[in-house]
Amino acid sequence: MIVAIASGKGGTGKTTVAVNLARCAEGSVSLLDCDVEEPNCHIFVKPEIHRREPVTVPVPVVDESKCTACGECGRICQYHAIVSLKTEPLVFPEMCHGCGGCMRVCPTKAITEVPREVGVVEIGRSGGVTFVRGVLHVGEAMAPPVIRAVKRHIAREGLTIIDAPPGTSCPVITSVRGSDFVVLVTEPTPFGLHDLQLAVETVRQLDLPFGVVINRSDVGDERVALYCKEEGIPVLAEIPDDRRIAEAYSRGQIAVDVLPEVRPWFLRLYEEVSTASRRAGRERLQRRAYTHADA
């Protein structure tokens, strides 16, 4: 089972939910930190890293002796990573998405590709949890290649928890795509509601089953809860505003490790997520069966 923990905005408690769920889950558990621009799960789970893998993307290199300055490479590139102005092409590696289009359309085979490192994936263990995180190199603009490299370590069996980046942009799409269930963490504030609505639209476009966790549920107002009710979105858990959890977070501690009384909250959340994920899986199989029957 692959469960992605996401949020429409930062600061809602997404990582808090991810690391506490990983600690409470039973059996084989993997925690993947896909917030590669600002990974922070390691602060709490404190893994022992035993392997590092570079992440590269292919970028074009032009052989000037073969180039005729025809401009085909620049015309096909949608990201303006290679430009020909009646001269040998100029290459902007940071803008290249590694699609290989320029190399394929070059009539004189003047373009080849070389790998360029954009980040690193670190793999380790923390107790019974397999831990994987991606780190995007400073100055790099594209997080998805590193996120995809992290997701290659999704376990074949057991539970995989993905801590996705905040927001609704390309890194989030890359992180949650292919998940069995998405947990959207929000807060009961106007900003929380606005960004939750964006996140809901995103996961619905991806046709992913999802539910909501309302963090700091006893502050703010009732508009988030009313929105979920009107939209038929299951509220998986409501976590109250507890100063002790915030203090544990500030010390880099996992709440269920230092506050035994909050462990039942996350155990119930784990059970709710497991039940909702299984239900969504059955419904998906039923839809496929109906589709095949109609065909």
C-alpha atoms as a PDB file:
ATOM      1  CA  MET A   1       0.000   0.000   0.000  1.00  0.00           C
ATOM      2  CA  ILE A   2       1.349   3.390  -1.034  1.00  0.00           C
ATOM      3  CA  VAL A   3       0.050   6.342   0.984  1.00  0.00           C
ATOM      4  CA  ALA A   4       1.051   9.898   0.055  1.00  0.00           C
ATOM      5  CA  ILE A   5       0.865  12.653   2.678  1.00  0.00           C
ATOM      6  CA  ALA A   6       0.289  15.991   0.960  1.00  0.00           C
ATOM      7  CA  SER A   7      -1.015  19.481   1.666  1.00  0.00           C
ATOM      8  CA  GLY A   8      -2.077  22.500  -0.305  1.00  0.00           C
ATOM      9  CA  LYS A   9       0.248  24.733   1.706  1.00  0.00           C
ATOM     10  CA  GLY A  10       3.285  24.447   3.904  1.00  0.00           C
ATOM     11  CA  GLY A  11       3.142  24.439   7.683  1.00  0.00           C
ATOM     12  CA  THR A  12      -0.020  22.386   8.097  1.00  0.00           C
ATOM     13  CA  GLY A  13       1.688  19.458   9.822  1.00  0.00           C
ATOM     14  CA  LYS A  14       2.254  17.199   6.822  1.00  0.00           C
ATOM     15  CA  THR A  15       5.636  15.900   7.985  1.00  0.00           C
ATOM     16  CA  THR A  16       4.326  15.477  11.541  1.00  0.00           C
ATOM     17  CA  VAL A  17       1.596  13.186  10.222  1.00  0.00           C
ATOM     18  CA  ALA A  18       4.018  11.291   7.947  1.00  0.00           C
ATOM     19  CA  VAL A  19       6.651  10.468  10.581  1.00  0.00           C
ATOM     20  CA  ASN A  20       4.108   9.603  13.284  1.00  0.00           C
ATOM     21  CA  LEU A  21       2.238   7.298  10.899  1.00  0.00           C
ATOM     22  CA  ALA A  22       5.501   5.608   9.948  1.00  0.00           C
ATOM     23  CA  ARG A  23       6.274   5.027  13.625  1.00  0.00           C
ATOM     24  CA  CYS A  24       2.808   3.627  14.387  1.00  0.00           C
ATOM     25  CA  ALA A  25       2.379   1.401  11.331  1.00  0.00           C
ATOM     26  CA  GLU A  26       2.796  -2.331  11.649  1.00  0.00           C
ATOM     27  CA  GLY A  27       4.877  -4.679   9.512  1.00  0.00           C
ATOM     28  CA  SER A  28       7.234  -3.561   6.767  1.00  0.00           C
ATOM     29  CA  VAL A  29       7.277   0.236   6.517  1.00  0.00           C
ATOM     30  CA  SER A  30       9.144   2.560   4.149  1.00  0.00           C
ATOM     31  CA  LEU A  31       9.229   6.343   4.547  1.00  0.00           C
ATOM     32  CA  LEU A  32      10.097   8.299   1.399  1.00  0.00           C
ATOM     33  CA  ASP A  33      10.829  12.014   1.778  1.00  0.00           C
ATOM     34  CA  CYS A  34       9.948  13.475  -1.622  1.00  0.00           C
ATOM     35  CA  ASP A  35      10.103  17.097  -0.482  1.00  0.00           C
ATOM     36  CA  VAL A  36      13.505  17.183  -2.145  1.00  0.00           C
ATOM     37  CA  GLU A  37      13.944  20.959  -1.995  1.00  0.00           C
ATOM     38  CA  GLU A  38      13.536  21.001   1.798  1.00  0.00           C
ATOM     39  CA  PRO A  39      13.638  17.425   3.118  1.00  0.00           C
ATOM     40  CA  ASN A  40      13.239  17.234   6.887  1.00  0.00           C
ATOM     41  CA  CYS A  41      11.937  13.760   7.795  1.00  0.00           C
ATOM     42  CA  HIS A  42      15.502  12.745   8.683  1.00  0.00           C
ATOM     43  CA  ILE A  43      15.494  15.262  11.539  1.00  0.00           C
ATOM     44  CA  PHE A  44      12.868  13.168  13.300  1.00  0.00           C
ATOM     45  CA  VAL A  45      13.530   9.554  12.298  1.00  0.00           C
ATOM     46  CA  LYS A  46      17.341  10.009  12.545  1.00  0.00           C
ATOM     47  CA  PRO A  47      18.226   7.260  10.068  1.00  0.00           C
ATOM     48  CA  GLU A  48      21.592   5.615   9.599  1.00  0.00           C
ATOM     49  CA  ILE A  49      22.381   6.289   5.937  1.00  0.00           C
ATOM     50  CA  HIS A  50      24.190   3.394   4.300  1.00  0.00           C
ATOM     51  CA  ARG A  51      23.972   4.273   0.591  1.00  0.00           C
ATOM     52  CA  ARG A  52      23.935   7.368  -1.606  1.00  0.00           C
ATOM     53  CA  GLU A  53      23.026   7.452  -5.277  1.00  0.00           C
ATOM     54  CA  PRO A  54      23.555  10.417  -7.610  1.00  0.00           C
ATOM     55  CA  VAL A  55      20.604  11.590  -9.694  1.00  0.00           C
ATOM     56  CA  THR A  56      21.394  12.728 -13.210  1.00  0.00           C
ATOM     57  CA  VAL A  57      19.496  14.051 -16.205  1.00  0.00           C
ATOM     58  CA  PRO A  58      20.730  13.809 -19.811  1.00  0.00           C
ATOM     59  CA  VAL A  59      21.644  17.157 -21.381  1.00  0.00           C
ATOM     60  CA  PRO A  60      22.717  17.871 -24.969  1.00  0.00           C
ATOM     61  CA  VAL A  61      26.268  18.472 -26.140  1.00  0.00           C
ATOM     62  CA  VAL A  62      26.788  19.851 -29.656  1.00  0.00           C
ATOM     63  CA  ASP A  63      29.608  18.757 -31.949  1.00  0.00           C
ATOM     64  CA  GLU A  64      30.351  22.012 -33.765  1.00  0.00           C
ATOM     65  CA  SER A  65      32.159  20.213 -36.577  1.00  0.00           C
ATOM     66  CA  LYS A  66      28.889  18.482 -37.551  1.00  0.00           C
ATOM     67  CA  CYS A  67      26.420  21.274 -36.782  1.00  0.00           C
ATOM     68  CA  THR A  68      24.929  23.145 -39.752  1.00  0.00           C
ATOM     69  CA  ALA A  69      23.014  25.674 -37.626  1.00  0.00           C
ATOM     70  CA  CYS A  70      19.714  24.517 -39.135  1.00  0.00           C
ATOM     71  CA  GLY A  71      17.835  25.410 -35.953  1.00  0.00           C
ATOM     72  CA  GLU A  72      15.737  22.211 -35.745  1.00  0.00           C
ATOM     73  CA  CYS A  73      16.916  21.560 -32.190  1.00  0.00           C
ATOM     74  CA  GLY A  74      15.751  24.956 -30.976  1.00  0.00           C
ATOM     75  CA  ARG A  75      12.393  24.645 -32.691  1.00  0.00           C
ATOM     76  CA  ILE A  76      11.500  21.365 -31.011  1.00  0.00           C
ATOM     77  CA  CYS A  77      12.582  22.400 -27.503  1.00  0.00           C
ATOM     78  CA  GLN A  78       9.549  23.642 -25.559  1.00  0.00           C
ATOM     79  CA  TYR A  79      11.714  24.823 -22.668  1.00  0.00           C
ATOM     80  CA  HIS A  80      14.226  26.915 -24.665  1.00  0.00           C
ATOM     81  CA  ALA A  81      17.075  24.870 -23.231  1.00  0.00           C
ATOM     82  CA  ILE A  82      18.814  24.894 -26.633  1.00  0.00           C
ATOM     83  CA  VAL A  83      18.738  27.861 -29.002  1.00  0.00           C
ATOM     84  CA  SER A  84      20.220  28.305 -32.467  1.00  0.00           C
ATOM     85  CA  LEU A  85      20.431  31.853 -33.838  1.00  0.00           C
ATOM     86  CA  LYS A  86      21.961  31.027 -37.227  1.00  0.00           C
ATOM     87  CA  THR A  87      25.003  29.838 -35.251  1.00  0.00           C
ATOM     88  CA  GLU A  88      26.013  26.734 -33.327  1.00  0.00           C
ATOM     89  CA  PRO A  89      23.329  26.137 -30.704  1.00  0.00           C
ATOM     90  CA  LEU A  90      23.609  27.571 -27.219  1.00  0.00           C
ATOM     91  CA  VAL A  91      22.751  25.055 -24.478  1.00  0.00           C
ATOM     92  CA  PHE A  92      21.255  26.032 -21.111  1.00  0.00           C
ATOM     93  CA  PRO A  93      21.627  22.824 -19.041  1.00  0.00           C
ATOM     94  CA  GLU A  94      19.572  24.056 -16.062  1.00  0.00           C
ATOM     95  CA  MET A  95      16.507  24.433 -18.295  1.00  0.00           C
ATOM     96  CA  CYS A  96      16.825  21.041 -19.994  1.00  0.00           C
ATOM     97  CA  HIS A  97      14.196  18.412 -19.145  1.00  0.00           C
ATOM     98  CA  GLY A  98      16.204  15.605 -20.696  1.00  0.00           C
ATOM     99  CA  CYS A  99      13.550  14.595 -23.257  1.00  0.00           C
ATOM    100  CA  GLY A 100      16.097  13.887 -25.986  1.00  0.00           C
ATOM    101  CA  GLY A 101      14.040  15.609 -28.675  1.00  0.00           C
ATOM    102  CA  CYS A 102      16.860  17.827 -29.927  1.00  0.00           C
ATOM    103  CA  MET A 103      19.133  14.830 -30.421  1.00  0.00           C
ATOM    104  CA  ARG A 104      16.472  12.942 -32.366  1.00  0.00           C
ATOM    105  CA  VAL A 105      15.616  15.744 -34.811  1.00  0.00           C
ATOM    106  CA  CYS A 106      19.210  16.770 -35.554  1.00  0.00           C
ATOM    107  CA  PRO A 107      19.715  15.852 -39.248  1.00  0.00           C
ATOM    108  CA  THR A 108      23.505  15.630 -38.982  1.00  0.00           C
ATOM    109  CA  LYS A 109      23.629  13.728 -35.643  1.00  0.00           C
ATOM    110  CA  ALA A 110      25.637  16.593 -34.171  1.00  0.00           C
ATOM    111  CA  ILE A 111      23.969  16.311 -30.752  1.00  0.00           C
ATOM    112  CA  THR A 112      24.739  13.712 -28.115  1.00  0.00           C
ATOM    113  CA  GLU A 113      23.768  13.547 -24.452  1.00  0.00           C
ATOM    114  CA  VAL A 114      25.833  13.514 -21.292  1.00  0.00           C
ATOM    115  CA  PRO A 115      24.584  13.031 -17.707  1.00  0.00           C
ATOM    116  CA  ARG A 116      24.441  16.059 -15.430  1.00  0.00           C
ATOM    117  CA  GLU A 117      24.016  15.525 -11.687  1.00  0.00           C
ATOM    118  CA  VAL A 118      21.077  17.423 -10.206  1.00  0.00           C
ATOM    119  CA  GLY A 119      20.704  15.762  -6.808  1.00  0.00           C
ATOM    120  CA  VAL A 120      21.272  12.713  -4.659  1.00  0.00           C
ATOM    121  CA  VAL A 121      19.169   9.954  -3.104  1.00  0.00           C
ATOM    122  CA  GLU A 122      20.070   8.694   0.366  1.00  0.00           C
ATOM    123  CA  ILE A 123      18.917   5.293   1.654  1.00  0.00           C
ATOM    124  CA  GLY A 124      19.073   4.135   5.258  1.00  0.00           C
ATOM    125  CA  ARG A 125      17.250   2.597   8.206  1.00  0.00           C
ATOM    126  CA  SER A 126      15.681   3.918  11.376  1.00  0.00           C
ATOM    127  CA  GLY A 127      14.585   1.149  13.683  1.00  0.00           C
ATOM    128  CA  GLY A 128      12.155  -0.937  11.672  1.00  0.00           C
ATOM    129  CA  VAL A 129      11.589   1.761   9.035  1.00  0.00           C
ATOM    130  CA  THR A 130      13.361   1.884   5.680  1.00  0.00           C
ATOM    131  CA  PHE A 131      14.142   5.529   4.981  1.00  0.00           C
ATOM    132  CA  VAL A 132      14.763   7.170   1.592  1.00  0.00           C
ATOM    133  CA  ARG A 133      15.140  10.849   0.887  1.00  0.00           C
ATOM    134  CA  GLY A 134      16.035  12.966  -2.118  1.00  0.00           C
ATOM    135  CA  VAL A 135      18.119  16.117  -1.969  1.00  0.00           C
ATOM    136  CA  LEU A 136      18.008  18.533  -4.890  1.00  0.00           C
ATOM    137  CA  HIS A 137      21.296  20.346  -5.422  1.00  0.00           C
ATOM    138  CA  VAL A 138      21.256  24.054  -4.561  1.00  0.00           C
ATOM    139  CA  GLY A 139      20.481  26.174  -7.589  1.00  0.00           C
ATOM    140  CA  GLU A 140      18.680  23.445  -9.520  1.00  0.00           C
ATOM    141  CA  ALA A 141      15.185  24.274 -10.736  1.00  0.00           C
ATOM    142  CA  MET A 142      13.650  20.870 -11.442  1.00  0.00           C
ATOM    143  CA  ALA A 143      12.691  18.610  -8.558  1.00  0.00           C
ATOM    144  CA  PRO A 144      10.763  15.851 -10.458  1.00  0.00           C
ATOM    145  CA  PRO A 145      13.847  13.888 -11.628  1.00  0.00           C
ATOM    146  CA  VAL A 146      15.016  13.548  -8.021  1.00  0.00           C
ATOM    147  CA  ILE A 147      11.501  12.661  -6.835  1.00  0.00           C
ATOM    148  CA  ARG A 148      11.237   9.944  -9.484  1.00  0.00           C
ATOM    149  CA  ALA A 149      14.577   8.549  -8.328  1.00  0.00           C
ATOM    150  CA  VAL A 150      13.293   8.421  -4.736  1.00  0.00           C
ATOM    151  CA  LYS A 151      10.111   6.640  -5.831  1.00  0.00           C
ATOM    152  CA  ARG A 152      12.113   3.882  -7.511  1.00  0.00           C
ATOM    153  CA  HIS A 153      12.670   2.658  -3.949  1.00  0.00           C
ATOM    154  CA  ILE A 154       8.973   2.081  -3.243  1.00  0.00           C
ATOM    155  CA  ALA A 155       8.738  -1.289  -1.534  1.00  0.00           C
ATOM    156  CA  ARG A 156       6.970  -4.129  -3.326  1.00  0.00           C
ATOM    157  CA  GLU A 157       5.351  -5.240  -0.076  1.00  0.00           C
ATOM    158  CA  GLY A 158       4.178  -3.578   3.112  1.00  0.00           C
ATOM    159  CA  LEU A 159       3.412   0.103   3.597  1.00  0.00           C
ATOM    160  CA  THR A 160       5.167   2.951   1.809  1.00  0.00           C
ATOM    161  CA  ILE A 161       4.544   6.468   3.145  1.00  0.00           C
ATOM    162  CA  ILE A 162       5.447   9.336   0.827  1.00  0.00           C
ATOM    163  CA  ASP A 163       6.000  12.757   2.362  1.00  0.00           C
ATOM    164  CA  ALA A 164       5.157  14.975  -0.617  1.00  0.00           C
ATOM    165  CA  PRO A 165       6.125  18.623  -1.095  1.00  0.00           C
ATOM    166  CA  PRO A 166       3.500  21.238  -0.207  1.00  0.00           C
ATOM    167  CA  GLY A 167       1.407  22.911  -2.874  1.00  0.00           C
ATOM    168  CA  THR A 168      -0.072  21.648  -6.142  1.00  0.00           C
ATOM    169  CA  SER A 169       2.773  22.084  -8.643  1.00  0.00           C
ATOM    170  CA  CYS A 170       4.772  19.546 -10.684  1.00  0.00           C
ATOM    171  CA  PRO A 171       6.765  18.145  -7.719  1.00  0.00           C
ATOM    172  CA  VAL A 172       3.516  17.327  -5.917  1.00  0.00           C
ATOM    173  CA  ILE A 173       2.017  15.653  -8.998  1.00  0.00           C
ATOM    174  CA  THR A 174       5.173  13.550  -9.421  1.00  0.00           C
ATOM    175  CA  SER A 175       5.128  12.577  -5.737  1.00  0.00           C
ATOM    176  CA  VAL A 176       1.492  11.491  -5.387  1.00  0.00           C
ATOM    177  CA  ARG A 177       0.993   9.915  -8.820  1.00  0.00           C
ATOM    178  CA  GLY A 178       0.572   6.159  -8.523  1.00  0.00           C
ATOM    179  CA  SER A 179      -0.396   6.239  -4.841  1.00  0.00           C
ATOM    180  CA  ASP A 180      -3.143   4.009  -3.506  1.00  0.00           C
ATOM    181  CA  PHE A 181      -4.390   6.768  -1.216  1.00  0.00           C
ATOM    182  CA  VAL A 182      -3.631  10.432  -0.526  1.00  0.00           C
ATOM    183  CA  VAL A 183      -3.926  12.075   2.889  1.00  0.00           C
ATOM    184  CA  LEU A 184      -4.414  15.835   2.597  1.00  0.00           C
ATOM    185  CA  VAL A 185      -3.348  17.638   5.768  1.00  0.00           C
ATOM    186  CA  THR A 186      -4.931  21.018   6.370  1.00  0.00           C
ATOM    187  CA  GLU A 187      -5.728  23.506   9.111  1.00  0.00           C
ATOM    188  CA  PRO A 188      -9.051  25.212   9.914  1.00  0.00           C
ATOM    189  CA  THR A 189      -8.108  28.684   8.680  1.00  0.00           C
ATOM    190  CA  PRO A 190      -9.089  30.688   5.580  1.00  0.00           C
ATOM    191  CA  PHE A 191      -5.656  30.027   4.037  1.00  0.00           C
ATOM    192  CA  GLY A 192      -5.937  26.347   4.927  1.00  0.00           C
ATOM    193  CA  LEU A 193      -9.359  26.076   3.278  1.00  0.00           C
ATOM    194  CA  HIS A 194      -8.278  27.904   0.127  1.00  0.00           C
ATOM    195  CA  ASP A 195      -5.230  25.706  -0.429  1.00  0.00           C
ATOM    196  CA  LEU A 196      -7.110  22.538   0.542  1.00  0.00           C
ATOM    197  CA  GLN A 197      -9.592  23.278  -2.250  1.00  0.00           C
ATOM    198  CA  LEU A 198      -6.703  23.506  -4.722  1.00  0.00           C
ATOM    199  CA  ALA A 199      -5.243  20.238  -3.441  1.00  0.00           C
ATOM    200  CA  VAL A 200      -8.633  18.504  -3.694  1.00  0.00           C
ATOM    201  CA  GLU A 201      -9.004  19.630  -7.307  1.00  0.00           C
ATOM    202  CA  THR A 202      -5.528  18.273  -8.037  1.00  0.00           C
ATOM    203  CA  VAL A 203      -6.033  14.771  -6.628  1.00  0.00           C
ATOM    204  CA  ARG A 204      -9.454  14.560  -8.266  1.00  0.00           C
ATOM    205  CA  GLN A 205      -7.877  15.344 -11.629  1.00  0.00           C
ATOM    206  CA  LEU A 206      -5.443  12.485 -10.973  1.00  0.00           C
ATOM    207  CA  ASP A 207      -8.364  10.215 -10.005  1.00  0.00           C
ATOM    208  CA  LEU A 208      -6.767   9.302  -6.687  1.00  0.00           C
ATOM    209  CA  PRO A 209      -8.764   8.339  -3.585  1.00  0.00           C
ATOM    210  CA  PHE A 210      -8.129  10.712  -0.702  1.00  0.00           C
ATOM    211  CA  GLY A 211      -9.175  11.889   2.722  1.00  0.00           C
ATOM    212  CA  VAL A 212      -8.429  14.870   4.949  1.00  0.00           C
ATOM    213  CA  VAL A 213      -6.675  15.301   8.274  1.00  0.00           C
ATOM    214  CA  ILE A 214      -7.529  18.549  10.068  1.00  0.00           C
ATOM    215  CA  ASN A 215      -4.545  19.520  12.193  1.00  0.00           C
ATOM    216  CA  ARG A 216      -4.894  21.992  15.056  1.00  0.00           C
ATOM    217  CA  SER A 217      -8.602  21.325  14.745  1.00  0.00           C
ATOM    218  CA  ASP A 218      -9.651  23.365  17.788  1.00  0.00           C
ATOM    219  CA  VAL A 219      -8.390  26.685  16.401  1.00  0.00           C
ATOM    220  CA  GLY A 220      -9.810  28.684  13.509  1.00  0.00           C
ATOM    221  CA  ASP A 221     -13.369  28.058  12.345  1.00  0.00           C
ATOM    222  CA  GLU A 222     -15.664  25.347  10.971  1.00  0.00           C
ATOM    223  CA  ARG A 223     -15.397  26.172   7.277  1.00  0.00           C
ATOM    224  CA  VAL A 224     -12.932  23.360   6.478  1.00  0.00           C
ATOM    225  CA  ALA A 225     -15.162  20.767   8.168  1.00  0.00           C
ATOM    226  CA  LEU A 226     -18.242  22.139   6.371  1.00  0.00           C
ATOM    227  CA  TYR A 227     -16.440  22.089   3.021  1.00  0.00           C
ATOM    228  CA  CYS A 228     -15.467  18.443   3.516  1.00  0.00           C
ATOM    229  CA  LYS A 229     -19.039  17.550   4.454  1.00  0.00           C
ATOM    230  CA  GLU A 230     -20.499  19.337   1.424  1.00  0.00           C
ATOM    231  CA  GLU A 231     -17.981  17.715  -0.920  1.00  0.00           C
ATOM    232  CA  GLY A 232     -18.368  14.251   0.579  1.00  0.00           C
ATOM    233  CA  ILE A 233     -14.689  14.143   1.593  1.00  0.00           C
ATOM    234  CA  PRO A 234     -13.919  11.813   4.506  1.00  0.00           C
ATOM    235  CA  VAL A 235     -12.259  13.490   7.486  1.00  0.00           C
ATOM    236  CA  LEU A 236      -9.856  10.801   8.669  1.00  0.00           C
ATOM    237  CA  ALA A 237      -8.754  12.539  11.861  1.00  0.00           C
ATOM    238  CA  GLU A 238      -8.891  15.811  13.752  1.00  0.00           C
ATOM    239  CA  ILE A 239      -5.715  16.494  15.714  1.00  0.00           C
ATOM    240  CA  PRO A 240      -6.136  19.141  18.417  1.00  0.00           C
ATOM    241  CA  ASP A 241      -3.742  22.027  18.921  1.00  0.00           C
ATOM    242  CA  ASP A 242      -1.387  20.579  21.544  1.00  0.00           C
ATOM    243  CA  ARG A 243       1.603  22.638  22.611  1.00  0.00           C
ATOM    244  CA  ARG A 244       3.459  19.476  23.623  1.00  0.00           C
ATOM    245  CA  ILE A 245       3.413  18.196  20.039  1.00  0.00           C
ATOM    246  CA  ALA A 246       4.832  21.511  18.827  1.00  0.00           C
ATOM    247  CA  GLU A 247       7.553  21.391  21.471  1.00  0.00           C
ATOM    248  CA  ALA A 248       8.466  17.829  20.512  1.00  0.00           C
ATOM    249  CA  TYR A 249       8.608  18.910  16.852  1.00  0.00           C
ATOM    250  CA  SER A 250      10.908  21.807  17.705  1.00  0.00           C
ATOM    251  CA  ARG A 251      13.284  19.357  19.418  1.00  0.00           C
ATOM    252  CA  GLY A 252      13.280  17.001  16.439  1.00  0.00           C
ATOM    253  CA  GLN A 253      11.281  14.353  18.287  1.00  0.00           C
ATOM    254  CA  ILE A 254       8.421  12.190  17.060  1.00  0.00           C
ATOM    255  CA  ALA A 255       5.335  12.883  19.158  1.00  0.00           C
ATOM    256  CA  VAL A 256       4.312   9.241  19.641  1.00  0.00           C
ATOM    257  CA  ASP A 257       7.787   8.468  21.021  1.00  0.00           C
ATOM    258  CA  VAL A 258       7.726  11.081  23.778  1.00  0.00           C
ATOM    259  CA  LEU A 259       3.984  11.516  24.373  1.00  0.00           C
ATOM    260  CA  PRO A 260       2.385   8.078  24.813  1.00  0.00           C
ATOM    261  CA  GLU A 261      -1.043   9.649  25.290  1.00  0.00           C
ATOM    262  CA  VAL A 262      -1.097  10.935  21.664  1.00  0.00           C
ATOM    263  CA  ARG A 263      -0.188   7.558  20.200  1.00  0.00           C
ATOM    264  CA  PRO A 264      -3.858   6.443  20.034  1.00  0.00           C
ATOM    265  CA  TRP A 265      -4.624   9.448  17.791  1.00  0.00           C
ATOM    266  CA  PHE A 266      -2.168   8.294  15.151  1.00  0.00           C
ATOM    267  CA  LEU A 267      -3.045   4.631  15.591  1.00  0.00           C
ATOM    268  CA  ARG A 268      -6.670   5.497  14.800  1.00  0.00           C
ATOM    269  CA  LEU A 269      -5.504   7.564  11.836  1.00  0.00           C
ATOM    270  CA  TYR A 270      -3.442   4.608  10.570  1.00  0.00           C
ATOM    271  CA  GLU A 271      -6.509   2.360  10.866  1.00  0.00           C
ATOM    272  CA  GLU A 272      -8.700   4.922   9.079  1.00  0.00           C
ATOM    273  CA  VAL A 273      -6.187   5.292   6.240  1.00  0.00           C
ATOM    274  CA  SER A 274      -5.845   1.512   5.883  1.00  0.00           C
ATOM    275  CA  THR A 275      -9.612   1.031   5.817  1.00  0.00           C
ATOM    276  CA  ALA A 276     -10.191   3.893   3.370  1.00  0.00           C
ATOM    277  CA  SER A 277      -7.405   2.673   1.095  1.00  0.00           C
ATOM    278  CA  ARG A 278      -8.807  -0.876   0.985  1.00  0.00           C
ATOM    279  CA  ARG A 279     -12.302   0.470   0.307  1.00  0.00           C
ATOM    280  CA  ALA A 280     -10.988   2.667  -2.509  1.00  0.00           C
ATOM    281  CA  GLY A 281      -9.142  -0.301  -3.975  1.00  0.00           C
ATOM    282  CA  ARG A 282     -12.308  -2.405  -4.029  1.00  0.00           C
ATOM    283  CA  GLU A 283     -14.293   0.415  -5.635  1.00  0.00           C
ATOM    284  CA  ARG A 284     -11.626   0.852  -8.294  1.00  0.00           C
ATOM    285  CA  LEU A 285     -11.737  -2.854  -9.135  1.00  0.00           C
ATOM    286  CA  GLN A 286     -15.530  -2.695  -9.357  1.00  0.00           C
ATOM    287  CA  ARG A 287     -15.369   0.274 -11.746  1.00  0.00           C
ATOM    288  CA  ARG A 288     -12.921  -1.594 -13.953  1.00  0.00           C
ATOM    289  CA  ALA A 289     -15.189  -4.646 -13.940  1.00  0.00           C
ATOM    290  CA  TYR A 290     -18.190  -2.539 -14.967  1.00  0.00           C
ATOM    291  CA  THR A 291     -16.131  -0.852 -17.687  1.00  0.00           C
ATOM    292  CA  HIS A 292     -15.028  -4.192 -19.116  1.00  0.00           C
ATOM    293  CA  ALA A 293     -18.592  -5.522 -18.935  1.00  0.00           C
ATOM    294  CA  ASP A 294     -19.930  -2.492 -20.837  1.00  0.00           C
ATOM    295  CA  ALA A 295     -17.204  -2.887 -23.456  1.00  0.00           C
END
